[in-house]
N, C-alpha and C. Protein backbone atom coordinates (compact mmCIF):
# COMPACT_ATOMS: atom_id res chain seq x y z
N MET A 1 99.42 89.28 115.18
CA MET A 1 100.67 89.15 114.42
C MET A 1 101.74 88.40 115.19
N LYS A 2 101.62 88.38 116.54
CA LYS A 2 102.60 87.66 117.33
C LYS A 2 102.59 86.19 116.96
N LYS A 3 101.37 85.61 116.88
CA LYS A 3 101.26 84.21 116.47
C LYS A 3 101.76 84.04 115.05
N SER A 4 101.45 85.02 114.20
CA SER A 4 101.90 84.96 112.81
C SER A 4 103.42 85.00 112.74
N LYS A 5 104.03 85.84 113.59
CA LYS A 5 105.49 85.95 113.60
C LYS A 5 106.12 84.64 114.04
N ASN A 6 105.55 84.01 115.07
CA ASN A 6 106.05 82.72 115.52
C ASN A 6 105.91 81.68 114.42
N PHE A 7 104.79 81.72 113.70
CA PHE A 7 104.56 80.78 112.60
C PHE A 7 105.61 80.97 111.52
N ILE A 8 105.95 82.22 111.23
CA ILE A 8 106.97 82.51 110.21
C ILE A 8 108.32 81.95 110.63
N PHE A 9 108.68 82.11 111.90
CA PHE A 9 109.95 81.57 112.39
C PHE A 9 109.96 80.05 112.29
N ILE A 10 108.84 79.42 112.64
CA ILE A 10 108.74 77.96 112.53
C ILE A 10 108.87 77.53 111.08
N LEU A 11 108.21 78.29 110.19
CA LEU A 11 108.26 77.98 108.77
C LEU A 11 109.69 78.09 108.24
N PHE A 12 110.39 79.13 108.65
CA PHE A 12 111.78 79.29 108.24
C PHE A 12 112.62 78.12 108.75
N SER A 13 112.37 77.69 109.97
CA SER A 13 113.12 76.56 110.53
C SER A 13 112.87 75.29 109.74
N LEU A 14 111.62 75.05 109.37
CA LEU A 14 111.28 73.86 108.59
C LEU A 14 111.94 73.90 107.21
N PHE A 15 111.91 75.08 106.58
CA PHE A 15 112.58 75.21 105.28
C PHE A 15 114.08 74.98 105.43
N GLY A 16 114.64 75.48 106.53
CA GLY A 16 116.06 75.27 106.77
C GLY A 16 116.40 73.79 106.89
N LEU A 17 115.58 73.05 107.64
CA LEU A 17 115.79 71.61 107.79
C LEU A 17 115.62 70.91 106.44
N LEU A 18 114.65 71.37 105.66
CA LEU A 18 114.42 70.77 104.34
C LEU A 18 115.64 70.96 103.44
N PHE A 19 116.17 72.18 103.42
CA PHE A 19 117.35 72.44 102.59
C PHE A 19 118.55 71.64 103.07
N PHE A 20 118.71 71.51 104.40
CA PHE A 20 119.80 70.69 104.93
C PHE A 20 119.63 69.23 104.51
N GLY A 21 118.37 68.76 104.53
CA GLY A 21 118.09 67.39 104.11
C GLY A 21 118.44 67.17 102.65
N VAL A 22 118.03 68.12 101.80
CA VAL A 22 118.35 68.03 100.37
C VAL A 22 119.86 68.06 100.16
N ALA A 23 120.54 68.94 100.90
CA ALA A 23 122.00 69.03 100.79
C ALA A 23 122.65 67.70 101.16
N GLY A 24 122.12 67.05 102.20
CA GLY A 24 122.66 65.76 102.61
C GLY A 24 122.46 64.68 101.56
N VAL A 25 121.26 64.66 100.97
CA VAL A 25 120.96 63.66 99.93
C VAL A 25 121.84 63.88 98.71
N VAL A 26 121.94 65.14 98.28
CA VAL A 26 122.77 65.46 97.11
C VAL A 26 124.23 65.12 97.38
N ALA A 27 124.70 65.42 98.58
CA ALA A 27 126.09 65.13 98.93
C ALA A 27 126.35 63.62 98.90
N TRP A 28 125.39 62.85 99.44
CA TRP A 28 125.54 61.39 99.46
C TRP A 28 125.52 60.82 98.04
N ASN A 29 124.60 61.28 97.22
CA ASN A 29 124.53 60.81 95.83
C ASN A 29 125.81 61.15 95.07
N THR A 30 126.33 62.35 95.32
CA THR A 30 127.58 62.76 94.67
C THR A 30 128.74 61.88 95.12
N TYR A 31 128.77 61.61 96.42
CA TYR A 31 129.84 60.76 96.97
C TYR A 31 129.81 59.37 96.35
N THR A 32 128.63 58.75 96.31
CA THR A 32 128.52 57.40 95.76
C THR A 32 128.83 57.38 94.26
N PHE A 33 128.46 58.47 93.57
CA PHE A 33 128.74 58.54 92.13
C PHE A 33 130.25 58.52 91.88
N PHE A 34 130.98 59.36 92.60
CA PHE A 34 132.43 59.43 92.39
C PHE A 34 133.15 58.22 92.99
N GLN A 35 132.52 57.60 93.97
CA GLN A 35 133.13 56.42 94.60
C GLN A 35 132.99 55.19 93.70
N ASN A 36 131.85 55.06 93.03
CA ASN A 36 131.57 53.86 92.25
C ASN A 36 131.72 54.05 90.75
N GLY A 37 131.96 55.30 90.31
CA GLY A 37 132.04 55.57 88.88
C GLY A 37 133.32 55.08 88.23
N ILE A 38 133.29 55.10 86.91
CA ILE A 38 134.45 54.72 86.11
C ILE A 38 135.20 55.99 85.71
N TYR A 39 136.50 55.97 85.90
CA TYR A 39 137.32 57.16 85.62
C TYR A 39 137.95 57.05 84.24
N SER A 40 137.97 58.18 83.55
CA SER A 40 138.55 58.22 82.22
C SER A 40 139.17 59.60 81.98
N SER A 41 139.95 59.71 80.94
CA SER A 41 140.58 60.98 80.59
C SER A 41 139.78 61.65 79.48
N GLY A 42 139.53 62.94 79.62
CA GLY A 42 138.76 63.67 78.62
C GLY A 42 139.47 64.94 78.19
N LYS A 43 138.88 65.60 77.21
CA LYS A 43 139.47 66.82 76.67
C LYS A 43 138.40 67.87 76.46
N VAL A 44 138.68 69.11 76.86
CA VAL A 44 137.73 70.21 76.69
C VAL A 44 137.73 70.62 75.21
N THR A 45 136.55 70.52 74.58
CA THR A 45 136.43 70.85 73.16
C THR A 45 135.78 72.21 72.92
N GLU A 46 135.10 72.73 73.95
CA GLU A 46 134.40 74.00 73.78
C GLU A 46 134.05 74.57 75.15
N ILE A 47 133.95 75.88 75.24
CA ILE A 47 133.47 76.54 76.46
C ILE A 47 132.06 77.06 76.17
N VAL A 48 131.09 76.55 76.91
CA VAL A 48 129.68 76.88 76.68
C VAL A 48 129.23 77.93 77.69
N SER A 49 128.61 78.99 77.21
CA SER A 49 128.10 80.04 78.11
C SER A 49 126.65 79.75 78.46
N ARG A 50 126.31 79.99 79.71
CA ARG A 50 124.95 79.82 80.20
C ARG A 50 124.54 81.07 80.98
N GLU A 51 123.25 81.37 80.93
CA GLU A 51 122.75 82.55 81.63
C GLU A 51 121.76 82.15 82.70
N ASP A 52 121.97 82.65 83.91
CA ASP A 52 121.04 82.39 85.01
C ASP A 52 119.71 83.08 84.71
N SER A 53 118.62 82.31 84.75
CA SER A 53 117.30 82.85 84.40
C SER A 53 116.79 83.86 85.41
N GLU A 54 117.33 83.86 86.64
CA GLU A 54 116.84 84.75 87.69
C GLU A 54 117.55 86.11 87.68
N ASP A 55 118.87 86.09 87.68
CA ASP A 55 119.58 87.38 87.77
C ASP A 55 120.39 87.72 86.51
N GLY A 56 120.33 86.84 85.50
CA GLY A 56 121.01 87.14 84.25
C GLY A 56 122.52 86.95 84.27
N THR A 57 123.04 86.39 85.36
CA THR A 57 124.48 86.16 85.45
C THR A 57 124.91 85.11 84.42
N VAL A 58 126.00 85.40 83.72
CA VAL A 58 126.53 84.46 82.73
C VAL A 58 127.68 83.67 83.34
N TYR A 59 127.65 82.36 83.19
CA TYR A 59 128.77 81.55 83.63
C TYR A 59 129.13 80.57 82.53
N TYR A 60 130.32 79.99 82.65
CA TYR A 60 130.87 79.19 81.56
C TYR A 60 131.19 77.77 82.05
N ALA A 61 130.75 76.80 81.24
CA ALA A 61 130.98 75.39 81.57
C ALA A 61 131.72 74.72 80.41
N PRO A 62 132.60 73.78 80.72
CA PRO A 62 133.35 73.11 79.65
C PRO A 62 132.54 71.99 78.99
N LYS A 63 132.63 71.92 77.66
CA LYS A 63 132.11 70.76 76.94
C LYS A 63 133.28 69.79 76.78
N VAL A 64 133.08 68.56 77.21
CA VAL A 64 134.17 67.59 77.29
C VAL A 64 133.88 66.37 76.42
N GLU A 65 134.90 65.88 75.79
CA GLU A 65 134.79 64.65 75.00
C GLU A 65 135.71 63.59 75.61
N PHE A 66 135.19 62.37 75.74
CA PHE A 66 136.00 61.27 76.27
C PHE A 66 135.51 59.96 75.66
N LYS A 67 136.26 58.92 75.90
CA LYS A 67 135.87 57.60 75.42
C LYS A 67 135.65 56.66 76.60
N THR A 68 134.59 55.86 76.50
CA THR A 68 134.29 54.87 77.53
C THR A 68 135.23 53.68 77.38
N THR A 69 135.14 52.76 78.33
CA THR A 69 135.96 51.55 78.26
C THR A 69 135.57 50.68 77.06
N ASP A 70 134.36 50.91 76.54
CA ASP A 70 133.91 50.17 75.35
C ASP A 70 134.34 50.85 74.05
N GLY A 71 135.01 51.99 74.17
CA GLY A 71 135.47 52.69 72.99
C GLY A 71 134.48 53.67 72.41
N GLU A 72 133.34 53.87 73.08
CA GLU A 72 132.33 54.80 72.59
C GLU A 72 132.75 56.23 72.90
N SER A 73 132.62 57.12 71.93
CA SER A 73 132.97 58.53 72.13
C SER A 73 131.76 59.28 72.68
N ILE A 74 131.95 59.93 73.81
CA ILE A 74 130.87 60.65 74.51
C ILE A 74 131.25 62.12 74.65
N THR A 75 130.28 62.98 74.41
CA THR A 75 130.47 64.41 74.63
C THR A 75 129.40 64.92 75.59
N PHE A 76 129.78 65.70 76.57
CA PHE A 76 128.83 66.24 77.54
C PHE A 76 129.29 67.62 77.99
N VAL A 77 128.35 68.38 78.54
CA VAL A 77 128.66 69.68 79.12
C VAL A 77 128.60 69.55 80.63
N SER A 78 129.63 70.01 81.31
CA SER A 78 129.69 69.90 82.77
C SER A 78 128.50 70.59 83.42
N ASN A 79 128.01 70.00 84.52
CA ASN A 79 126.88 70.59 85.23
C ASN A 79 127.30 71.75 86.13
N ALA A 80 128.59 71.99 86.23
CA ALA A 80 129.10 73.10 87.06
C ALA A 80 129.86 74.08 86.18
N GLY A 81 129.62 75.36 86.40
CA GLY A 81 130.31 76.38 85.63
C GLY A 81 130.83 77.48 86.53
N SER A 82 131.52 78.44 85.94
CA SER A 82 132.08 79.55 86.72
C SER A 82 132.27 80.75 85.80
N ASN A 83 132.52 81.89 86.42
CA ASN A 83 132.81 83.10 85.68
C ASN A 83 133.93 83.86 86.41
N PRO A 84 135.12 83.93 85.84
CA PRO A 84 135.48 83.45 84.50
C PRO A 84 135.60 81.93 84.44
N SER A 85 135.74 81.41 83.24
CA SER A 85 135.83 79.97 83.04
C SER A 85 137.07 79.40 83.71
N SER A 86 136.91 78.22 84.31
CA SER A 86 138.04 77.55 84.95
C SER A 86 138.86 76.74 83.95
N TYR A 87 138.33 76.61 82.74
CA TYR A 87 138.99 75.78 81.74
C TYR A 87 139.17 76.53 80.43
N SER A 88 140.05 76.00 79.59
CA SER A 88 140.26 76.50 78.24
C SER A 88 140.15 75.34 77.26
N VAL A 89 139.81 75.65 76.02
CA VAL A 89 139.72 74.61 75.00
C VAL A 89 141.08 73.91 74.87
N GLY A 90 141.05 72.59 74.87
CA GLY A 90 142.27 71.80 74.78
C GLY A 90 142.75 71.26 76.11
N ASP A 91 142.20 71.77 77.23
CA ASP A 91 142.60 71.27 78.55
C ASP A 91 142.21 69.80 78.70
N LYS A 92 143.09 69.04 79.36
CA LYS A 92 142.77 67.65 79.67
C LYS A 92 142.16 67.58 81.06
N VAL A 93 141.10 66.82 81.20
CA VAL A 93 140.40 66.71 82.48
C VAL A 93 140.12 65.25 82.79
N GLU A 94 139.92 64.98 84.07
CA GLU A 94 139.52 63.63 84.48
C GLU A 94 138.01 63.57 84.52
N VAL A 95 137.46 62.52 83.95
CA VAL A 95 136.02 62.36 83.82
C VAL A 95 135.57 61.13 84.61
N VAL A 96 134.40 61.23 85.22
CA VAL A 96 133.81 60.11 85.94
C VAL A 96 132.43 59.86 85.38
N TYR A 97 132.10 58.58 85.13
CA TYR A 97 130.78 58.26 84.58
C TYR A 97 130.31 56.91 85.11
N ALA A 98 128.99 56.73 85.10
CA ALA A 98 128.39 55.44 85.46
C ALA A 98 128.36 54.57 84.22
N LYS A 99 128.67 53.29 84.37
CA LYS A 99 128.77 52.39 83.21
C LYS A 99 127.49 52.35 82.40
N ASP A 100 126.33 52.40 83.09
CA ASP A 100 125.05 52.32 82.37
C ASP A 100 124.53 53.68 81.92
N LYS A 101 125.18 54.78 82.36
CA LYS A 101 124.74 56.12 81.96
C LYS A 101 125.96 57.00 81.65
N PRO A 102 126.67 56.68 80.58
CA PRO A 102 127.89 57.45 80.27
C PRO A 102 127.61 58.91 79.92
N TYR A 103 126.40 59.20 79.43
CA TYR A 103 126.10 60.59 79.06
C TYR A 103 125.84 61.47 80.30
N GLY A 104 125.76 60.85 81.46
CA GLY A 104 125.63 61.60 82.71
C GLY A 104 126.97 61.82 83.38
N ALA A 105 128.02 61.81 82.59
CA ALA A 105 129.38 61.95 83.13
C ALA A 105 129.60 63.32 83.77
N ARG A 106 130.59 63.37 84.65
CA ARG A 106 130.96 64.63 85.31
C ARG A 106 132.47 64.80 85.29
N VAL A 107 132.87 66.05 85.31
CA VAL A 107 134.29 66.36 85.44
C VAL A 107 134.67 66.19 86.91
N ASN A 108 135.79 65.56 87.16
CA ASN A 108 136.24 65.35 88.53
C ASN A 108 136.93 66.61 89.05
N ASP A 109 136.12 67.58 89.47
CA ASP A 109 136.67 68.82 90.03
C ASP A 109 135.80 69.28 91.20
N PHE A 110 136.25 70.33 91.84
CA PHE A 110 135.55 70.83 93.04
C PHE A 110 134.12 71.23 92.74
N GLY A 111 133.91 71.95 91.63
CA GLY A 111 132.57 72.43 91.30
C GLY A 111 131.57 71.31 91.12
N SER A 112 131.96 70.26 90.40
CA SER A 112 131.05 69.14 90.16
C SER A 112 130.71 68.39 91.44
N LYS A 113 131.65 68.37 92.37
CA LYS A 113 131.44 67.62 93.61
C LYS A 113 130.66 68.41 94.66
N PHE A 114 130.97 69.69 94.79
CA PHE A 114 130.49 70.41 95.97
C PHE A 114 129.53 71.57 95.71
N THR A 115 129.36 72.00 94.45
CA THR A 115 128.53 73.18 94.19
C THR A 115 127.12 73.02 94.74
N PHE A 116 126.42 71.97 94.34
CA PHE A 116 125.02 71.82 94.74
C PHE A 116 124.85 71.53 96.24
N PRO A 117 125.66 70.65 96.84
CA PRO A 117 125.54 70.48 98.30
C PRO A 117 125.78 71.77 99.07
N LEU A 118 126.77 72.56 98.60
CA LEU A 118 127.06 73.82 99.30
C LEU A 118 125.94 74.83 99.13
N VAL A 119 125.35 74.89 97.93
CA VAL A 119 124.25 75.84 97.69
C VAL A 119 123.06 75.50 98.58
N PHE A 120 122.65 74.23 98.58
CA PHE A 120 121.52 73.84 99.42
C PHE A 120 121.86 73.98 100.91
N GLY A 121 123.11 73.67 101.26
CA GLY A 121 123.52 73.84 102.66
C GLY A 121 123.49 75.29 103.09
N LEU A 122 123.89 76.20 102.17
CA LEU A 122 123.86 77.63 102.48
C LEU A 122 122.43 78.11 102.70
N PHE A 123 121.52 77.68 101.82
CA PHE A 123 120.11 78.04 102.01
C PHE A 123 119.59 77.49 103.34
N GLY A 124 120.00 76.27 103.67
CA GLY A 124 119.59 75.69 104.95
C GLY A 124 120.10 76.50 106.12
N LEU A 125 121.35 76.98 106.01
CA LEU A 125 121.94 77.78 107.08
C LEU A 125 121.21 79.10 107.24
N ILE A 126 120.87 79.74 106.11
CA ILE A 126 120.19 81.04 106.16
C ILE A 126 118.79 80.90 106.73
N PHE A 127 117.99 80.01 106.13
CA PHE A 127 116.61 79.84 106.58
C PHE A 127 116.56 79.28 108.00
N GLY A 128 117.37 78.25 108.26
CA GLY A 128 117.38 77.66 109.60
C GLY A 128 117.87 78.64 110.64
N GLY A 129 118.90 79.43 110.28
CA GLY A 129 119.43 80.41 111.23
C GLY A 129 118.39 81.43 111.62
N ILE A 130 117.70 81.99 110.62
CA ILE A 130 116.65 82.97 110.91
C ILE A 130 115.55 82.35 111.77
N GLY A 131 115.13 81.15 111.38
CA GLY A 131 114.02 80.50 112.09
C GLY A 131 114.36 80.14 113.53
N PHE A 132 115.46 79.42 113.73
CA PHE A 132 115.80 78.95 115.07
C PHE A 132 116.23 80.09 115.99
N VAL A 133 116.95 81.07 115.45
CA VAL A 133 117.32 82.23 116.27
C VAL A 133 116.07 83.01 116.67
N GLY A 134 115.13 83.16 115.72
CA GLY A 134 113.88 83.86 116.02
C GLY A 134 113.08 83.15 117.10
N ILE A 135 112.99 81.81 116.99
CA ILE A 135 112.27 81.03 118.00
C ILE A 135 112.95 81.15 119.36
N TYR A 136 114.29 81.11 119.36
CA TYR A 136 115.03 81.20 120.62
C TYR A 136 114.76 82.52 121.33
N PHE A 137 114.88 83.63 120.60
CA PHE A 137 114.69 84.94 121.24
C PHE A 137 113.23 85.17 121.63
N THR A 138 112.29 84.62 120.86
CA THR A 138 110.88 84.75 121.22
C THR A 138 110.60 84.04 122.53
N ARG A 139 111.12 82.83 122.68
CA ARG A 139 110.90 82.07 123.91
C ARG A 139 111.63 82.69 125.09
N ARG A 140 112.83 83.21 124.84
CA ARG A 140 113.58 83.84 125.92
C ARG A 140 112.86 85.08 126.43
N ARG A 141 112.29 85.86 125.49
CA ARG A 141 111.54 87.05 125.88
C ARG A 141 110.30 86.67 126.68
N LYS A 142 109.65 85.59 126.29
CA LYS A 142 108.46 85.14 127.00
C LYS A 142 108.79 84.79 128.45
N LYS A 143 109.90 84.09 128.66
CA LYS A 143 110.31 83.73 130.02
C LYS A 143 110.71 84.98 130.81
N GLN A 144 111.36 85.92 130.13
CA GLN A 144 111.77 87.16 130.78
C GLN A 144 110.55 87.95 131.27
N VAL A 145 109.52 88.02 130.43
CA VAL A 145 108.30 88.75 130.80
C VAL A 145 107.61 88.05 131.97
N GLU A 146 107.56 86.73 131.96
CA GLU A 146 106.96 85.98 133.06
C GLU A 146 107.69 86.27 134.37
N TYR A 147 109.01 86.36 134.30
CA TYR A 147 109.80 86.68 135.49
C TYR A 147 109.48 88.09 135.98
N LEU A 148 109.36 89.05 135.06
CA LEU A 148 109.08 90.43 135.45
C LEU A 148 107.70 90.56 136.09
N PHE A 149 106.73 89.81 135.60
CA PHE A 149 105.40 89.84 136.21
C PHE A 149 105.45 89.34 137.65
N SER A 150 106.32 88.38 137.92
CA SER A 150 106.39 87.78 139.25
C SER A 150 107.28 88.57 140.21
N PHE A 151 108.40 89.09 139.71
CA PHE A 151 109.38 89.70 140.61
C PHE A 151 109.74 91.14 140.26
N GLY A 152 109.19 91.66 139.18
CA GLY A 152 109.56 93.01 138.76
C GLY A 152 108.91 94.11 139.58
N GLN A 153 109.55 95.28 139.58
CA GLN A 153 109.02 96.47 140.23
C GLN A 153 107.98 97.10 139.32
N ARG A 154 106.76 97.27 139.82
CA ARG A 154 105.68 97.85 139.02
C ARG A 154 105.75 99.37 139.10
N VAL A 155 105.80 100.00 137.92
CA VAL A 155 105.90 101.45 137.82
C VAL A 155 104.81 101.96 136.89
N SER A 156 104.26 103.13 137.22
CA SER A 156 103.25 103.74 136.37
C SER A 156 103.89 104.84 135.54
N GLY A 157 103.69 104.77 134.22
CA GLY A 157 104.23 105.80 133.33
C GLY A 157 103.14 106.32 132.40
N LYS A 158 103.48 107.32 131.62
CA LYS A 158 102.52 107.90 130.67
C LYS A 158 103.06 107.80 129.25
N VAL A 159 102.14 107.54 128.33
CA VAL A 159 102.53 107.42 126.92
C VAL A 159 103.08 108.75 126.43
N HIS A 160 104.28 108.70 125.88
CA HIS A 160 104.92 109.91 125.36
C HIS A 160 104.68 110.04 123.85
N HIS A 161 104.91 108.95 123.12
CA HIS A 161 104.64 108.96 121.68
C HIS A 161 104.61 107.54 121.13
N ILE A 162 104.15 107.42 119.91
CA ILE A 162 104.09 106.13 119.21
C ILE A 162 104.82 106.30 117.88
N GLU A 163 105.65 105.33 117.53
CA GLU A 163 106.35 105.44 116.25
C GLU A 163 106.53 104.06 115.61
N VAL A 164 106.79 104.09 114.32
CA VAL A 164 107.02 102.86 113.57
C VAL A 164 108.49 102.48 113.68
N ASP A 165 108.74 101.22 113.99
CA ASP A 165 110.12 100.73 114.09
C ASP A 165 110.57 100.26 112.70
N THR A 166 111.16 101.17 111.94
CA THR A 166 111.55 100.86 110.56
C THR A 166 112.79 99.97 110.48
N THR A 167 113.41 99.71 111.63
CA THR A 167 114.60 98.85 111.62
C THR A 167 114.24 97.38 111.58
N TYR A 168 112.94 97.08 111.68
CA TYR A 168 112.50 95.68 111.75
C TYR A 168 111.35 95.49 110.78
N LYS A 169 111.42 94.40 110.00
CA LYS A 169 110.35 94.13 109.04
C LYS A 169 110.10 92.64 108.91
N ILE A 170 108.84 92.28 108.72
CA ILE A 170 108.44 90.92 108.37
C ILE A 170 107.42 91.04 107.26
N ASN A 171 107.69 90.36 106.16
CA ASN A 171 106.82 90.45 104.98
C ASN A 171 106.62 91.89 104.52
N GLY A 172 107.65 92.70 104.67
CA GLY A 172 107.58 94.09 104.24
C GLY A 172 106.85 95.02 105.20
N GLN A 173 106.39 94.50 106.34
CA GLN A 173 105.64 95.31 107.30
C GLN A 173 106.51 95.61 108.53
N SER A 174 106.51 96.86 108.95
CA SER A 174 107.23 97.25 110.16
C SER A 174 106.25 97.42 111.32
N PRO A 175 106.66 97.03 112.53
CA PRO A 175 105.78 97.15 113.69
C PRO A 175 105.83 98.54 114.32
N TYR A 176 104.92 98.76 115.27
CA TYR A 176 104.89 100.01 116.04
C TYR A 176 105.48 99.75 117.42
N ARG A 177 105.94 100.83 118.05
CA ARG A 177 106.36 100.79 119.45
C ARG A 177 105.70 101.95 120.19
N ILE A 178 105.30 101.68 121.41
CA ILE A 178 104.72 102.71 122.27
C ILE A 178 105.79 103.13 123.28
N TYR A 179 106.08 104.42 123.33
CA TYR A 179 107.10 104.94 124.24
C TYR A 179 106.43 105.55 125.47
N VAL A 180 106.89 105.11 126.62
CA VAL A 180 106.30 105.53 127.90
C VAL A 180 107.37 106.20 128.76
N GLU A 181 106.99 107.30 129.42
CA GLU A 181 107.92 107.99 130.31
C GLU A 181 107.40 107.95 131.74
N GLY A 182 108.34 107.90 132.68
CA GLY A 182 107.96 107.87 134.09
C GLY A 182 109.18 107.87 134.98
N LEU A 183 108.94 107.87 136.29
CA LEU A 183 110.03 107.88 137.27
C LEU A 183 110.36 106.46 137.68
N ASN A 184 111.62 106.13 137.56
CA ASN A 184 112.09 104.81 138.00
C ASN A 184 112.43 104.90 139.48
N PRO A 185 111.62 104.28 140.36
CA PRO A 185 111.86 104.39 141.80
C PRO A 185 113.15 103.70 142.24
N LEU A 186 113.67 102.83 141.40
CA LEU A 186 114.90 102.11 141.75
C LEU A 186 116.12 103.01 141.63
N THR A 187 116.05 103.97 140.69
CA THR A 187 117.18 104.88 140.47
C THR A 187 116.82 106.33 140.73
N ASN A 188 115.52 106.58 140.94
CA ASN A 188 114.99 107.93 141.14
C ASN A 188 115.31 108.84 139.95
N GLU A 189 115.25 108.26 138.76
CA GLU A 189 115.51 109.00 137.53
C GLU A 189 114.31 108.92 136.61
N ASN A 190 114.11 109.99 135.83
CA ASN A 190 113.07 109.94 134.80
C ASN A 190 113.57 109.06 133.65
N MET A 191 112.72 108.13 133.25
CA MET A 191 113.11 107.15 132.25
C MET A 191 112.11 107.13 131.10
N GLN A 192 112.57 106.62 129.97
CA GLN A 192 111.67 106.36 128.85
C GLN A 192 111.80 104.89 128.47
N TRP A 193 110.66 104.22 128.39
CA TRP A 193 110.64 102.80 128.05
C TRP A 193 109.88 102.59 126.75
N LYS A 194 110.28 101.62 125.97
CA LYS A 194 109.56 101.32 124.74
C LYS A 194 108.95 99.93 124.83
N SER A 195 107.78 99.81 124.25
CA SER A 195 107.05 98.55 124.31
C SER A 195 107.64 97.53 123.34
N ASP A 196 107.21 96.29 123.51
CA ASP A 196 107.52 95.28 122.50
C ASP A 196 106.79 95.65 121.21
N HIS A 197 107.08 94.96 120.15
CA HIS A 197 106.47 95.28 118.86
C HIS A 197 104.95 95.10 118.88
N VAL A 198 104.28 96.05 118.25
CA VAL A 198 102.82 96.00 118.07
C VAL A 198 102.58 95.97 116.56
N TRP A 199 101.88 94.93 116.10
CA TRP A 199 101.77 94.72 114.65
C TRP A 199 100.50 95.33 114.06
N PHE A 200 100.04 96.41 114.64
CA PHE A 200 98.97 97.22 114.07
C PHE A 200 99.11 98.61 114.67
N ASP A 201 98.49 99.59 114.07
CA ASP A 201 98.57 100.97 114.56
C ASP A 201 97.76 101.09 115.85
N PRO A 202 98.43 101.25 117.01
CA PRO A 202 97.72 101.29 118.29
C PRO A 202 97.18 102.67 118.66
N SER A 203 97.38 103.66 117.79
CA SER A 203 97.01 105.04 118.15
C SER A 203 95.51 105.19 118.40
N SER A 204 94.68 104.31 117.84
CA SER A 204 93.24 104.39 118.07
C SER A 204 92.87 103.90 119.46
N TYR A 205 93.78 103.16 120.09
CA TYR A 205 93.49 102.58 121.40
C TYR A 205 94.34 103.19 122.52
N VAL A 206 95.40 103.89 122.13
CA VAL A 206 96.31 104.46 123.12
C VAL A 206 96.46 105.96 122.87
N GLU A 207 96.03 106.77 123.83
CA GLU A 207 96.15 108.22 123.71
C GLU A 207 97.46 108.69 124.35
N ILE A 208 97.99 109.77 123.82
CA ILE A 208 99.17 110.37 124.42
C ILE A 208 98.81 110.81 125.84
N GLY A 209 99.63 110.44 126.81
CA GLY A 209 99.36 110.76 128.20
C GLY A 209 98.66 109.65 128.95
N LYS A 210 98.23 108.61 128.26
CA LYS A 210 97.56 107.48 128.90
C LYS A 210 98.53 106.79 129.85
N GLU A 211 98.03 106.42 131.03
CA GLU A 211 98.88 105.73 132.00
C GLU A 211 99.00 104.25 131.64
N ILE A 212 100.23 103.79 131.64
CA ILE A 212 100.52 102.38 131.35
C ILE A 212 101.55 101.89 132.36
N GLU A 213 101.36 100.68 132.83
CA GLU A 213 102.29 100.12 133.81
C GLU A 213 103.52 99.52 133.12
N VAL A 214 104.64 99.65 133.81
CA VAL A 214 105.90 99.07 133.34
C VAL A 214 106.46 98.20 134.46
N PHE A 215 106.92 97.01 134.11
CA PHE A 215 107.53 96.10 135.08
C PHE A 215 109.04 96.10 134.86
N ILE A 216 109.79 96.46 135.92
CA ILE A 216 111.24 96.62 135.81
C ILE A 216 111.94 95.58 136.68
N ASP A 217 113.00 95.00 136.14
CA ASP A 217 113.81 94.05 136.90
C ASP A 217 114.57 94.82 137.98
N PRO A 218 114.39 94.49 139.27
CA PRO A 218 115.09 95.21 140.35
C PRO A 218 116.61 95.12 140.25
N LYS A 219 117.09 94.07 139.58
CA LYS A 219 118.54 93.86 139.46
C LYS A 219 119.13 94.49 138.20
N ASP A 220 118.26 94.81 137.25
CA ASP A 220 118.74 95.34 135.98
C ASP A 220 117.68 96.26 135.39
N ALA A 221 117.91 97.57 135.49
CA ALA A 221 116.91 98.54 135.04
C ALA A 221 116.70 98.49 133.52
N LYS A 222 117.65 97.89 132.79
CA LYS A 222 117.50 97.79 131.34
C LYS A 222 116.57 96.66 130.93
N SER A 223 116.23 95.82 131.89
CA SER A 223 115.30 94.72 131.62
C SER A 223 113.92 95.12 132.13
N TYR A 224 112.97 95.29 131.22
CA TYR A 224 111.64 95.76 131.62
C TYR A 224 110.60 95.29 130.60
N PHE A 225 109.34 95.50 130.97
CA PHE A 225 108.24 95.17 130.06
C PHE A 225 107.15 96.21 130.19
N VAL A 226 106.85 96.88 129.07
CA VAL A 226 105.73 97.83 129.04
C VAL A 226 104.46 97.01 128.86
N ASP A 227 103.57 97.11 129.83
CA ASP A 227 102.38 96.24 129.85
C ASP A 227 101.32 96.74 128.87
N ILE A 228 101.33 96.18 127.68
CA ILE A 228 100.34 96.54 126.66
C ILE A 228 99.42 95.35 126.36
N ARG A 229 99.24 94.50 127.36
CA ARG A 229 98.38 93.33 127.15
C ARG A 229 96.95 93.72 126.85
N PHE A 230 96.55 94.91 127.25
CA PHE A 230 95.17 95.34 127.00
C PHE A 230 94.88 95.45 125.50
N LEU A 231 95.93 95.58 124.68
CA LEU A 231 95.73 95.67 123.23
C LEU A 231 95.31 94.34 122.63
N ASN A 232 95.54 93.26 123.37
CA ASN A 232 95.17 91.93 122.86
C ASN A 232 93.73 91.58 123.13
N LYS A 233 93.06 92.40 123.93
CA LYS A 233 91.67 92.10 124.30
C LYS A 233 90.71 92.50 123.19
């Protein structure tokens, strides 16, 4: 599961980059549309209700009527909505449209400009944050364990108990931790140490009272590693 966990973090990072990329493309397309479009004055003729297919949330978008420079009357529903509605029937709005696609017009407001880039950017931040933070802490822990193997104080302890760490989940699954008790020669105190996450029930391989080595940082007793590498064999 360790490799699987790393793969999940990498996958989240890739999805985060993908969402950031989409946000960038959408933002650029929106910018060029409003930069190169033709501006006109329009009027809200109706408030249209829409329902989100996923959570059932209802939001309201204005139906707008305007005339092109050629005198053609165009009616469209804004691609951005809100709840409550930001507009009322009869409101005058500024409209932007492409000369060759007047029916793809947009209302010149914050929602039409920034809603989709912000949504994709937020997804990118969430997925990328989980992925990159996960990768960072995984690599940092790996280096920490390597340091403890080289310079840590080796201590022998005995398994006290095994429990499920319900505070942590991946794909709905919580890992196990092995708790070991022993005497810390650096402080001459009885201590309890917990192992890194184990992604299967180790009780078939680890008996209560089994001796397990713990590597402790001589400079920081809170930094340690319960040696459960035998579970990977």
